[in-house]
Protein backbone atom coordinates (compact mmCIF):
# COMPACT_ATOMS: atom_id res chain seq x y z
CA MET A 1 -8.85 40.41 28.82
CA SER A 2 -10.48 43.08 26.80
CA GLY A 3 -9.11 45.83 24.99
CA VAL A 4 -10.10 48.43 27.08
CA VAL A 5 -7.72 51.15 27.62
CA VAL A 6 -7.09 51.30 31.77
CA ARG A 7 -6.71 54.52 33.14
CA ALA A 8 -3.38 55.02 34.60
CA ARG A 9 -2.08 54.57 38.17
CA ALA A 10 -5.26 52.04 38.26
CA ARG A 11 -4.87 49.58 41.12
CA VAL A 12 -7.03 46.53 42.37
CA VAL A 13 -7.40 46.57 46.35
CA VAL A 14 -8.71 43.22 48.04
CA LEU A 15 -10.44 43.64 51.12
CA THR A 16 -10.41 40.38 53.49
CA ARG A 17 -8.84 39.05 56.51
CA ASP A 18 -7.30 36.02 58.16
CA PRO A 19 -8.87 32.71 57.67
CA THR A 20 -9.77 32.44 61.31
CA PRO A 21 -12.33 29.83 62.35
CA GLY A 22 -15.55 31.37 63.93
CA ARG A 23 -14.41 34.87 62.70
CA VAL A 24 -14.74 34.54 58.88
CA LYS A 25 -18.14 33.52 56.68
CA THR A 26 -20.09 32.80 60.13
CA ARG A 27 -23.30 32.49 58.43
CA LEU A 28 -22.08 29.46 56.52
CA VAL A 29 -21.05 27.68 59.85
CA PRO A 30 -24.18 26.05 60.27
CA ALA A 31 -23.81 24.16 56.95
CA LEU A 32 -19.86 24.15 56.83
CA GLY A 33 -18.51 24.17 60.25
CA ALA A 34 -16.14 26.87 61.67
CA GLY A 35 -13.10 25.12 59.96
CA GLY A 36 -15.07 24.29 56.97
CA ALA A 37 -16.45 28.00 56.44
CA ALA A 38 -12.65 29.24 57.22
CA ARG A 39 -11.29 26.93 54.45
CA LEU A 40 -13.86 28.45 52.17
CA HIS A 41 -13.19 32.07 53.03
CA GLU A 42 -9.40 31.37 52.25
CA ALA A 43 -9.84 29.73 49.12
CA LEU A 44 -12.19 32.55 48.01
CA ALA A 45 -9.47 35.10 48.82
CA LEU A 46 -7.02 33.47 46.94
CA HIS A 47 -9.42 32.71 43.89
CA THR A 48 -10.07 36.70 43.94
CA VAL A 49 -6.39 37.56 44.13
CA GLY A 50 -5.65 35.34 41.07
CA VAL A 51 -8.45 36.98 39.02
CA ALA A 52 -7.40 40.43 40.10
CA LEU A 53 -3.53 39.48 38.96
CA ALA A 54 -5.24 37.96 35.57
CA SER A 55 -6.59 41.66 34.82
CA GLY A 56 -2.77 42.98 34.46
CA LEU A 57 -3.51 45.48 37.06
CA PRO A 58 -1.42 45.90 40.45
CA VAL A 59 -2.90 44.08 43.24
CA VAL A 60 -2.65 45.22 46.89
CA VAL A 61 -4.40 43.03 49.53
CA ALA A 62 -5.85 45.31 52.89
CA LEU A 63 -5.86 42.44 55.25
CA ASP A 64 -7.37 42.62 58.75
CA GLY A 65 -4.94 39.95 60.35
CA ALA A 66 -1.24 38.97 60.56
CA ARG A 67 0.99 40.20 57.96
CA ALA A 68 3.68 37.98 58.76
CA GLY A 69 1.25 35.22 59.04
CA PRO A 70 0.98 32.18 56.60
CA PHE A 71 -1.95 33.40 54.94
CA ALA A 72 -0.16 36.66 54.42
CA GLU A 73 2.67 34.68 52.98
CA ALA A 74 0.30 32.82 50.66
CA LEU A 75 -0.92 35.95 49.27
CA ARG A 76 2.47 37.41 48.60
CA ARG A 77 3.80 34.15 46.76
CA ALA A 78 0.68 34.62 44.66
CA GLY A 79 1.82 38.10 43.51
CA ALA A 80 -0.27 40.69 45.82
CA VAL A 81 1.20 43.78 47.95
CA VAL A 82 -0.19 43.14 51.43
CA VAL A 83 -0.97 46.06 53.70
CA PRO A 84 -2.97 46.50 56.82
CA GLN A 85 -6.67 47.39 57.07
CA GLY A 86 -7.79 50.71 58.41
CA ALA A 87 -9.34 50.85 61.75
CA GLY A 88 -13.21 51.54 61.85
CA ASP A 89 -16.37 50.24 60.87
CA LEU A 90 -16.45 49.07 57.24
CA GLY A 91 -16.88 52.21 55.49
CA ALA A 92 -14.08 53.85 57.30
CA ARG A 93 -11.98 50.76 56.28
CA MET A 94 -12.91 51.08 52.50
CA ALA A 95 -12.32 54.78 52.68
CA ALA A 96 -9.01 53.72 53.91
CA ALA A 97 -8.49 51.47 51.08
CA THR A 98 -9.23 53.68 48.60
CA SER A 99 -7.07 56.66 49.51
CA GLY A 100 -4.19 58.33 48.01
CA PRO A 101 -4.22 59.25 44.26
CA GLY A 102 -4.86 57.26 41.29
CA ARG A 103 -8.00 54.83 40.36
CA HIS A 104 -8.67 52.28 42.83
CA VAL A 105 -10.95 49.12 42.41
CA LEU A 106 -11.99 47.75 45.59
CA VAL A 107 -13.09 44.24 46.14
CA GLY A 108 -14.04 41.77 48.55
CA SER A 109 -13.49 38.06 48.55
CA ASP A 110 -16.86 36.63 48.60
CA CYS A 111 -17.78 37.12 44.76
CA PRO A 112 -16.94 33.71 43.14
CA GLY A 113 -18.20 35.15 39.81
CA LEU A 114 -15.60 37.97 39.28
CA GLN A 115 -13.98 38.06 36.18
CA ALA A 116 -10.92 39.64 35.14
CA ASP A 117 -12.86 41.94 32.80
CA ASP A 118 -14.79 43.60 35.51
CA LEU A 119 -11.75 45.04 36.98
CA VAL A 120 -10.48 46.20 33.41
CA GLN A 121 -13.72 47.84 32.91
CA ALA A 122 -13.87 49.44 36.30
CA ALA A 123 -10.50 50.69 35.98
CA ALA A 124 -11.20 52.45 32.79
CA THR A 125 -14.50 54.15 33.78
CA PRO A 126 -14.62 57.48 34.68
CA GLY A 127 -16.28 58.40 38.40
CA LEU A 128 -17.65 56.08 40.40
CA CYS A 129 -18.49 52.39 39.44
CA LEU A 130 -20.14 50.13 41.40
CA GLY A 131 -21.08 46.12 40.72
CA PRO A 132 -24.24 45.38 42.23
CA ALA A 133 -25.25 42.37 44.13
CA VAL A 134 -28.01 40.39 44.06
CA ASP A 135 -28.31 40.57 47.92
CA GLY A 136 -28.83 44.51 47.48
CA GLY A 137 -25.29 45.16 48.11
CA TYR A 138 -22.23 45.50 45.92
CA TRP A 139 -19.31 43.28 45.09
CA LEU A 140 -17.26 46.09 43.72
CA VAL A 141 -16.50 50.00 43.80
CA ALA A 142 -14.12 52.06 42.10
CA LEU A 143 -13.38 55.64 42.12
CA ASP A 144 -10.47 58.00 41.79
CA GLY A 145 -8.26 59.09 44.67
CA ALA A 146 -7.57 62.16 45.82
CA PRO A 147 -3.84 63.91 45.72
CA ALA A 148 -1.87 62.38 48.71
CA GLY A 149 -2.68 64.24 52.01
CA ARG A 150 -6.21 65.77 50.67
CA PRO A 151 -9.61 64.22 51.90
CA ASN A 152 -11.39 62.82 49.16
CA PRO A 153 -15.20 63.99 48.77
CA ALA A 154 -16.21 60.64 47.07
CA HIS A 155 -15.62 59.06 50.43
CA ALA A 156 -18.94 60.50 51.45
CA ILE A 157 -20.62 57.49 49.87
CA PHE A 158 -19.28 55.15 52.57
CA GLU A 159 -20.59 57.16 55.54
CA ARG A 160 -23.68 55.88 57.51
CA ILE A 161 -24.46 53.06 55.13
CA PRO A 162 -26.76 50.15 56.94
CA TRP A 163 -23.93 47.51 56.17
CA SER A 164 -25.20 43.52 55.68
CA THR A 165 -28.73 44.77 54.85
CA ASP A 166 -30.44 45.04 51.59
CA ARG A 167 -30.35 48.67 51.37
CA VAL A 168 -26.72 48.91 50.90
CA LEU A 169 -26.62 49.76 47.02
CA ARG A 170 -29.64 52.01 47.49
CA VAL A 171 -28.17 54.35 50.30
CA THR A 172 -24.97 54.25 48.63
CA LEU A 173 -26.57 55.43 45.25
CA GLU A 174 -28.18 58.08 47.42
CA ARG A 175 -25.15 59.32 49.01
CA ALA A 176 -23.48 59.16 45.31
CA ARG A 177 -26.17 61.44 43.99
CA ALA A 178 -25.97 63.95 47.01
CA ALA A 179 -22.40 64.13 46.41
CA GLY A 180 -22.80 64.97 42.83
CA LEU A 181 -21.01 61.84 41.57
CA GLU A 182 -21.47 60.56 38.29
CA VAL A 183 -22.08 56.64 38.57
CA ARG A 184 -21.97 53.61 36.27
CA THR A 185 -22.86 50.13 37.24
CA LEU A 186 -21.45 46.77 35.85
CA THR A 187 -22.96 43.27 35.67
CA THR A 188 -24.99 42.17 38.91
CA ARG A 189 -23.24 39.32 40.40
CA ALA A 190 -24.29 36.93 43.36
CA ASP A 191 -22.06 36.92 46.50
CA LEU A 192 -21.33 33.92 48.38
CA ASP A 193 -22.79 34.22 52.23
CA LEU A 194 -25.66 32.21 53.04
CA PRO A 195 -26.09 28.27 53.25
CA GLN A 196 -28.38 28.49 50.11
CA ASP A 197 -25.69 30.14 48.18
CA LEU A 198 -23.67 27.17 48.26
CA ALA A 199 -26.05 24.99 46.68
CA ALA A 200 -26.55 27.45 44.08
CA LEU A 201 -22.74 27.82 43.37
CA ALA A 202 -22.28 24.07 43.20
CA ALA A 203 -25.07 23.84 40.60
CA ASP A 204 -23.41 26.53 38.49
CA PRO A 205 -21.39 25.08 35.88
CA THR A 206 -19.12 28.14 36.05
CA CYS A 207 -17.83 27.37 39.80
CA PRO A 208 -14.43 27.62 40.26
CA PRO A 209 -12.86 24.13 40.31
CA ALA A 210 -10.73 24.87 43.65
CA LEU A 211 -14.11 25.95 45.17
CA LEU A 212 -16.13 23.15 44.51
CA PRO A 213 -15.12 20.47 47.10
CA LEU A 214 -15.40 23.31 49.83
CA LEU A 215 -19.28 23.93 49.42
CA VAL A 216 -20.16 20.91 51.51
CA ARG A 217 -19.14 19.53 55.04
C-alpha cells in the first residue's frame, strides 16, 4: 500500500447483490450458464472485498439480498460490514450508499483489476474522484459526504444518467461540471461484463488466480 495520507473517516463501500442464478451477470449467461455466471459473480464480489480490506480502510458491503443468507455471512467472515442497499435505480442506490459524513469510496464488484492503492488514492483525493472504465462507464466513484440528515449536492451526479451505456462517464462529468465539482480521475480499468471480457481476463497474467477456473463453462 502506498504512503498516501488517507483523509479522516474514509470508508470503502462495495455495491453488490446476492449471487442468484439468472439475476447476476446475465450478459455472461450465454458463455457460462446461469449457475456459472452466478459463481463468477460471487467470486468477484469476495475478491473485491478482499482488495478493499487490503487497503486498510473500513469496508461496508451494500447488499441487494438476504442479510442473513450464506453470501452475507461469507462477506462478514471476510471482515466486511453488511448493510442493505437503498431502493430505486442505480443512481438512487449509489446516493444512498454514499450518504452521511466522511469520505465514501464506492465500487461495484465487476472490476477484477481493482487495486488496494486505487482505494487509498481515492480516499485521499479531495473532491470527486472517478475511475474510468474501458466501456465508457466507471469502476469507482469517491466523494465527500454531507452532515447527517442533510442532502449532499454531489449526489446530483447520479441523476438522469443513461446507465449501462457507453455515455455514463461523459454524462456524469457533465453533471459534475454543472454542480461545480472538482473532478480527478484514476487509471482506466476494464470491467468484466461481456463474453469477450472472459477471454481477455483469462489471457491477462495479472488475473486473480481464484477467478481463472470460473472464466470457462
